[in-house]
Amino acid sequence: MEIYDGINEIPGPFPGAVVTIGNFDGVHLGHQILFSEVVSRAYRSQGTSVALTFEPHPLKVMRPEIGLKLISTPEQKKELIALANIDKLIILPFTKEFAATPAEVFVDQVLRRAIGVRDLIVGYDYAFGKGRQGDIAFLKEQGQSKGFSVSVVEPFFVDGMLASSSKIRELVGLGKMRYVRKLLGRYYQIRGEVVMGKQRGGPLLGFPTANLALSEEDLCPRLGVYVCQVIYDGKCYGGVMNIGYNPTFAGSQLCAETHIFDFNQDIYGKPIKINLLRFIRSEIKFADHAELAKQIAMDVAEAKQVLAEAENELTLSCEEKFNR
């Protein structure tokens, strides 16, 4: 997949461009169905599949007061769109000035002149441009008058739940990781570099941990303990992770502390990825470290049971295509 950061990087109209537009936060199953239709149509017509997205997310620019927290980082989004076999990804810088672009100007300058759209495929609720003028009715009218087709992909439901970024954010906040996985088509993942912690996990509690510093600006799952899968250096390990503030030790910094099973390597400063499988319990304050250690042992036992029951599924999730 080729990536273009801005209109000026595009080398010229793409042959037989089949285009979709969206924010694609999380690249969930609804997005994947959209991409599949784009790729399939481009293949049948020997054209070019194109995804057009924006950075930062438009709501972060237009409504910063709502504090939107994203499911995927920009890097994750690129990786996941590449997995959908899209030929070209165009990332447009989103500013208030860009938001003021009239919808018809966007169609003429971006979709037609720069990209060369032949077929446009959008989600059922898509709209763009100043005042959201560019709704589906507008797009179909533009397509008829300017020579490109417009198709709409209907909403996708799983177990009665709409596959949408907002629904997934809600479920992540509630710690309902099994439902999150159903809508994403993969486990919810956090990633980062391992940082030095307070060195209590091993010496004091008997359970050494790999620590990731979390930003409260990021989408944070419900505070508590999770069964997890840790991906490091191309290998997968089971684990149990606590997301929270360490109330037993009067902690004040949000952190993800992961005890990795059957693992004994120095990974300070190294990148790891953590798939969240299941919420076990809320974070609570214990009377002392001995009581906490006893509870961690029970958490570990429960996590190992969950991991054993899901062994076949977890083997698949360790394949490279799921490690992103």
Protein backbone atom coordinates (compact mmCIF):
# COMPACT_ATOMS: atom_id res chain seq x y z
CA MET A 1 0.00 0.00 0.00
CA GLU A 2 1.29 3.44 -0.93
CA ILE A 3 0.64 6.29 1.50
CA TYR A 4 0.30 9.95 0.53
CA ASP A 5 0.37 12.63 3.23
CA GLY A 6 -1.58 15.40 1.58
CA ILE A 7 -2.98 16.22 -1.84
CA ASN A 8 0.32 17.62 -3.11
CA GLU A 9 1.98 14.22 -2.75
CA ILE A 10 -0.47 12.49 -5.08
CA PRO A 11 1.33 11.88 -8.41
CA GLY A 12 -1.83 12.38 -10.45
CA PRO A 13 -5.27 10.82 -10.97
CA PHE A 14 -5.22 7.07 -10.37
CA PRO A 15 -6.48 4.79 -13.14
CA GLY A 16 -10.03 3.61 -12.51
CA ALA A 17 -10.04 4.96 -8.95
CA VAL A 18 -12.53 3.26 -6.62
CA VAL A 19 -12.59 5.51 -3.58
CA THR A 20 -13.91 5.47 -0.02
CA ILE A 21 -13.75 8.32 2.49
CA GLY A 22 -13.90 8.23 6.28
CA ASN A 23 -12.15 8.59 9.61
CA PHE A 24 -11.87 4.81 10.03
CA ASP A 25 -11.05 4.97 13.74
CA GLY A 26 -10.40 1.43 14.92
CA VAL A 27 -10.85 -0.04 11.42
CA HIS A 28 -13.71 -2.15 12.78
CA LEU A 29 -15.80 -4.73 10.93
CA GLY A 30 -18.02 -2.06 9.38
CA HIS A 31 -14.93 -0.37 7.91
CA GLN A 32 -13.53 -3.71 6.80
CA ILE A 33 -16.72 -4.47 4.84
CA LEU A 34 -16.42 -1.05 3.20
CA PHE A 35 -12.79 -1.70 2.24
CA SER A 36 -13.67 -5.16 0.96
CA GLU A 37 -16.24 -3.68 -1.41
CA VAL A 38 -13.73 -1.07 -2.63
CA VAL A 39 -11.01 -3.67 -3.23
CA SER A 40 -13.41 -6.10 -4.90
CA ARG A 41 -14.79 -3.50 -7.27
CA ALA A 42 -11.32 -2.20 -8.15
CA TYR A 43 -10.17 -5.76 -8.86
CA ARG A 44 -13.13 -6.51 -11.11
CA SER A 45 -12.60 -3.34 -13.12
CA GLN A 46 -8.79 -3.48 -13.06
CA GLY A 47 -8.80 -0.14 -11.28
CA THR A 48 -7.14 1.30 -8.17
CA SER A 49 -8.53 0.97 -4.65
CA VAL A 50 -8.18 4.22 -2.70
CA ALA A 51 -8.97 5.13 0.91
CA LEU A 52 -9.10 8.78 1.91
CA THR A 53 -8.87 9.71 5.57
CA PHE A 54 -7.97 12.66 7.80
CA GLU A 55 -5.42 13.47 10.49
CA PRO A 56 -6.13 14.55 13.14
CA HIS A 57 -9.67 13.24 13.57
CA PRO A 58 -12.04 16.07 12.53
CA LEU A 59 -13.80 16.08 15.91
CA LYS A 60 -10.51 16.82 17.66
CA VAL A 61 -10.28 19.99 15.58
CA MET A 62 -13.91 21.08 15.41
CA ARG A 63 -15.09 19.99 18.87
CA PRO A 64 -12.04 19.68 21.14
CA GLU A 65 -14.23 20.18 24.21
CA ILE A 66 -15.67 16.67 23.92
CA GLY A 67 -12.24 15.14 24.46
CA LEU A 68 -12.56 12.44 21.81
CA LYS A 69 -10.37 9.42 22.56
CA LEU A 70 -9.38 7.26 19.64
CA ILE A 71 -9.45 3.48 19.36
CA SER A 72 -6.37 3.31 17.15
CA THR A 73 -3.26 5.43 16.79
CA PRO A 74 -2.48 6.88 13.34
CA GLU A 75 0.18 4.20 12.92
CA GLN A 76 -2.21 1.39 13.84
CA LYS A 77 -4.79 2.76 11.44
CA LYS A 78 -2.28 2.68 8.58
CA GLU A 79 -1.31 -0.90 9.42
CA LEU A 80 -4.91 -2.08 9.57
CA ILE A 81 -5.91 -0.39 6.32
CA ALA A 82 -2.90 -1.99 4.64
CA LEU A 83 -4.18 -5.38 5.81
CA ALA A 84 -7.41 -4.68 3.91
CA ASN A 85 -5.37 -4.71 0.66
CA ILE A 86 -6.10 -1.10 -0.23
CA ASP A 87 -3.74 0.12 -2.97
CA LYS A 88 -3.49 3.79 -2.01
CA LEU A 89 -4.06 5.55 1.31
CA ILE A 90 -4.38 9.34 1.23
CA ILE A 91 -4.14 11.18 4.55
CA LEU A 92 -5.37 14.76 4.41
CA PRO A 93 -4.30 17.19 7.15
CA PHE A 94 -7.52 18.36 8.81
CA THR A 95 -7.72 22.00 9.89
CA LYS A 96 -10.51 24.47 10.49
CA GLU A 97 -9.62 26.08 7.18
CA PHE A 98 -9.96 22.74 5.40
CA ALA A 99 -13.28 22.14 7.17
CA ALA A 100 -14.61 25.33 5.61
CA THR A 101 -14.14 23.92 2.09
CA PRO A 102 -17.50 23.77 0.30
CA ALA A 103 -18.55 20.23 -0.53
CA GLU A 104 -18.62 20.84 -4.28
CA VAL A 105 -15.09 22.25 -4.22
CA PHE A 106 -13.92 19.13 -2.37
CA VAL A 107 -15.55 16.92 -5.01
CA ASP A 108 -13.97 18.84 -7.88
CA GLN A 109 -10.49 19.48 -6.49
CA VAL A 110 -9.87 16.38 -4.39
CA LEU A 111 -12.05 13.53 -5.63
CA ARG A 112 -12.07 14.31 -9.33
CA ARG A 113 -8.93 16.33 -10.15
CA ALA A 114 -6.42 14.86 -7.69
CA ILE A 115 -7.70 11.28 -7.31
CA GLY A 116 -9.69 10.73 -10.49
CA VAL A 117 -12.66 9.07 -8.82
CA ARG A 118 -14.65 6.69 -11.00
CA ASP A 119 -16.59 4.92 -8.25
CA LEU A 120 -17.23 6.31 -4.78
CA ILE A 121 -18.26 3.95 -1.98
CA VAL A 122 -19.27 5.41 1.39
CA GLY A 123 -20.85 4.34 4.64
CA TYR A 124 -24.56 4.82 5.26
CA ASP A 125 -24.06 7.91 7.47
CA TYR A 126 -21.25 9.68 5.63
CA ALA A 127 -21.25 13.46 5.17
CA PHE A 128 -18.46 15.99 4.68
CA GLY A 129 -17.70 19.58 3.81
CA LYS A 130 -18.76 22.87 5.31
CA GLY A 131 -21.95 22.37 7.30
CA ARG A 132 -21.90 18.67 6.30
CA GLN A 133 -23.25 19.69 2.90
CA GLY A 134 -21.72 16.62 1.30
CA ASP A 135 -24.28 14.07 2.36
CA ILE A 136 -25.20 10.99 0.34
CA ALA A 137 -27.97 12.74 -1.62
CA PHE A 138 -25.49 15.46 -2.60
CA LEU A 139 -22.86 12.91 -3.60
CA LYS A 140 -25.28 10.98 -5.80
CA GLU A 141 -26.33 14.20 -7.49
CA GLN A 142 -22.69 15.14 -8.07
CA GLY A 143 -21.93 11.69 -9.41
CA GLN A 144 -24.75 11.81 -11.92
CA SER A 145 -23.70 15.21 -13.22
CA LYS A 146 -19.92 14.62 -13.15
CA GLY A 147 -19.54 11.04 -14.25
CA PHE A 148 -18.82 8.88 -11.23
CA SER A 149 -20.96 6.30 -9.46
CA VAL A 150 -21.89 6.46 -5.78
CA SER A 151 -22.67 3.35 -3.72
CA VAL A 152 -23.66 3.14 -0.06
CA VAL A 153 -22.67 0.34 2.32
CA GLU A 154 -25.40 -0.35 4.85
CA PRO A 155 -24.81 -0.54 8.63
CA PHE A 156 -23.34 -3.78 9.95
CA PHE A 157 -24.60 -5.38 13.16
CA VAL A 158 -23.11 -8.13 15.32
CA ASP A 159 -25.39 -9.72 17.94
CA GLY A 160 -27.66 -6.70 17.67
CA MET A 161 -24.76 -4.24 18.18
CA LEU A 162 -23.92 -1.68 15.52
CA ALA A 163 -20.28 -1.92 14.43
CA SER A 164 -19.35 1.71 14.98
CA SER A 165 -16.40 3.54 16.50
CA SER A 166 -18.59 5.21 19.11
CA LYS A 167 -20.05 1.87 20.25
CA ILE A 168 -16.59 0.35 20.51
CA ARG A 169 -15.34 3.28 22.60
CA GLU A 170 -18.29 2.77 24.92
CA LEU A 171 -17.58 -0.96 25.29
CA VAL A 172 -13.85 -0.39 25.89
CA GLY A 173 -14.73 2.05 28.67
CA LEU A 174 -16.94 -0.62 30.25
CA GLY A 175 -14.26 -3.29 29.99
CA LYS A 176 -16.44 -5.51 27.79
CA MET A 177 -13.58 -6.87 25.77
CA ARG A 178 -15.37 -9.90 24.36
CA TYR A 179 -17.95 -7.60 22.75
CA VAL A 180 -15.20 -5.24 21.60
CA ARG A 181 -13.53 -8.15 19.83
CA LYS A 182 -16.79 -9.02 18.06
CA LEU A 183 -17.05 -5.51 16.60
CA LEU A 184 -13.35 -5.05 15.81
CA GLY A 185 -12.82 -8.53 14.41
CA ARG A 186 -9.70 -8.75 16.60
CA TYR A 187 -8.67 -8.11 20.18
CA TYR A 188 -8.43 -4.54 21.45
CA GLN A 189 -4.74 -3.70 21.69
CA ILE A 190 -2.60 -1.22 23.56
CA ARG A 191 1.05 -0.77 22.76
CA GLY A 192 4.07 1.16 23.92
CA GLU A 193 7.58 0.96 25.31
CA VAL A 194 8.25 -0.73 28.63
CA VAL A 195 9.20 1.84 31.28
CA MET A 196 10.85 1.54 34.68
CA GLY A 197 8.26 1.12 37.44
CA LYS A 198 8.51 1.17 41.23
CA GLN A 199 10.20 -2.26 41.26
CA ARG A 200 7.60 -3.69 43.62
CA GLY A 201 6.18 -6.43 41.37
CA GLY A 202 9.02 -8.92 41.66
CA PRO A 203 10.87 -8.17 44.91
CA LEU A 204 7.82 -7.32 47.04
CA LEU A 205 4.92 -9.21 45.48
CA GLY A 206 6.61 -12.07 43.67
CA PHE A 207 5.08 -11.10 40.32
CA PRO A 208 7.45 -9.00 38.16
CA THR A 209 5.69 -6.72 35.70
CA ALA A 210 6.32 -4.91 32.43
CA ASN A 211 4.96 -1.39 32.78
CA LEU A 212 3.52 0.90 30.14
CA ALA A 213 2.83 4.54 30.95
CA LEU A 214 -0.65 5.49 29.74
CA SER A 215 -1.88 8.93 28.81
CA GLU A 216 -5.28 10.00 30.07
CA GLU A 217 -5.72 11.56 26.63
CA ASP A 218 -5.83 8.06 25.14
CA LEU A 219 -8.79 5.70 25.14
CA CYS A 220 -8.39 3.88 28.44
CA PRO A 221 -10.26 0.67 29.25
CA ARG A 222 -12.14 0.29 32.50
CA LEU A 223 -9.67 0.33 35.39
CA GLY A 224 -8.98 -3.12 36.74
CA VAL A 225 -7.41 -6.48 35.99
CA TYR A 226 -7.47 -8.20 32.59
CA VAL A 227 -6.45 -11.47 31.05
CA CYS A 228 -4.11 -10.49 28.24
CA GLN A 229 -1.83 -11.68 25.48
CA VAL A 230 1.57 -10.02 25.18
CA ILE A 231 3.35 -9.77 21.84
CA TYR A 232 7.07 -9.16 22.02
CA ASP A 233 9.73 -9.72 19.38
CA GLY A 234 7.36 -11.73 17.19
CA LYS A 235 6.33 -14.13 19.97
CA CYS A 236 3.17 -14.32 22.07
CA TYR A 237 2.85 -14.86 25.80
CA GLY A 238 -0.06 -15.07 28.19
CA GLY A 239 -0.34 -12.58 30.99
CA VAL A 240 -2.43 -10.70 33.50
CA MET A 241 -2.53 -6.92 33.48
CA ASN A 242 -3.69 -4.24 35.90
CA ILE A 243 -4.70 -0.85 34.52
CA GLY A 244 -4.97 1.78 37.22
CA TYR A 245 -3.27 3.88 39.86
CA ASN A 246 -2.01 1.32 42.41
CA PRO A 247 -4.27 2.41 45.28
CA THR A 248 -2.66 -0.08 47.68
CA PHE A 249 0.54 1.95 47.38
CA ALA A 250 -1.18 5.35 47.07
CA GLY A 251 -0.17 5.68 43.42
CA SER A 252 -1.08 8.74 41.38
CA GLN A 253 0.02 7.89 37.83
CA LEU A 254 -2.11 5.87 35.43
CA CYS A 255 -0.19 2.78 34.38
CA ALA A 256 -0.62 -0.63 32.78
CA GLU A 257 1.35 -3.27 34.68
CA THR A 258 1.57 -6.70 33.07
CA HIS A 259 2.84 -9.91 34.61
CA ILE A 260 3.95 -12.01 31.62
CA PHE A 261 3.77 -15.78 32.05
CA ASP A 262 6.85 -17.94 31.41
CA PHE A 263 8.95 -14.91 30.56
CA ASN A 264 12.28 -13.72 31.93
CA GLN A 265 13.84 -11.09 29.68
CA ASP A 266 15.05 -7.54 30.19
CA ILE A 267 12.70 -5.50 27.99
CA TYR A 268 13.07 -1.99 29.41
CA GLY A 269 12.76 0.49 26.55
CA LYS A 270 11.49 -2.20 24.20
CA PRO A 271 8.12 -2.03 22.38
CA ILE A 272 5.38 -4.50 23.28
CA LYS A 273 1.79 -4.99 22.22
CA ILE A 274 -0.91 -6.17 24.61
CA ASN A 275 -4.20 -7.71 23.51
CA LEU A 276 -6.94 -7.40 26.13
CA LEU A 277 -8.97 -10.61 26.29
CA ARG A 278 -11.21 -10.42 29.32
CA PHE A 279 -11.92 -8.21 32.32
CA ILE A 280 -11.45 -10.07 35.63
CA ARG A 281 -12.11 -7.55 38.39
CA SER A 282 -12.01 -3.89 39.34
CA GLU A 283 -8.94 -2.27 40.86
CA ILE A 284 -9.27 -2.07 44.64
CA LYS A 285 -7.14 -1.02 47.58
CA PHE A 286 -5.81 -3.87 49.72
CA ALA A 287 -4.83 -3.71 53.37
CA ASP A 288 -1.18 -4.55 52.65
CA HIS A 289 1.13 -6.02 50.03
CA ALA A 290 0.63 -9.59 51.32
CA GLU A 291 -3.13 -9.38 50.70
CA LEU A 292 -2.47 -7.93 47.25
CA ALA A 293 0.00 -10.71 46.40
CA LYS A 294 -2.59 -13.32 47.42
CA GLN A 295 -5.16 -11.74 45.11
CA ILE A 296 -2.67 -11.54 42.23
CA ALA A 297 -2.03 -15.27 42.58
CA MET A 298 -5.77 -15.86 42.18
CA ASP A 299 -5.87 -13.51 39.19
CA VAL A 300 -3.01 -15.43 37.58
CA ALA A 301 -4.79 -18.75 38.11
CA GLU A 302 -7.99 -17.40 36.55
CA ALA A 303 -6.10 -15.89 33.63
CA LYS A 304 -4.30 -19.15 32.90
CA GLN A 305 -7.62 -20.97 32.85
CA VAL A 306 -9.08 -18.45 30.38
CA LEU A 307 -5.97 -18.72 28.20
CA ALA A 308 -6.11 -22.52 28.22
CA GLU A 309 -9.77 -22.51 27.17
CA ALA A 310 -9.00 -20.13 24.30
CA GLU A 311 -5.77 -21.81 23.17
CA ASN A 312 -6.78 -22.41 19.53
CA GLU A 313 -8.20 -18.93 19.15
CA LEU A 314 -5.09 -17.36 20.67
CA THR A 315 -2.82 -19.30 18.34
CA LEU A 316 -4.60 -17.65 15.42
CA SER A 317 -4.39 -14.21 17.03
CA CYS A 318 -0.61 -14.56 17.21
CA GLU A 319 -0.31 -14.72 13.45
CA GLU A 320 1.33 -11.61 12.03
CA LYS A 321 -1.89 -10.26 10.54
CA PHE A 322 -3.42 -10.05 14.02
CA ASN A 323 -0.35 -8.64 15.74
CA ARG A 324 -0.84 -5.13 14.40
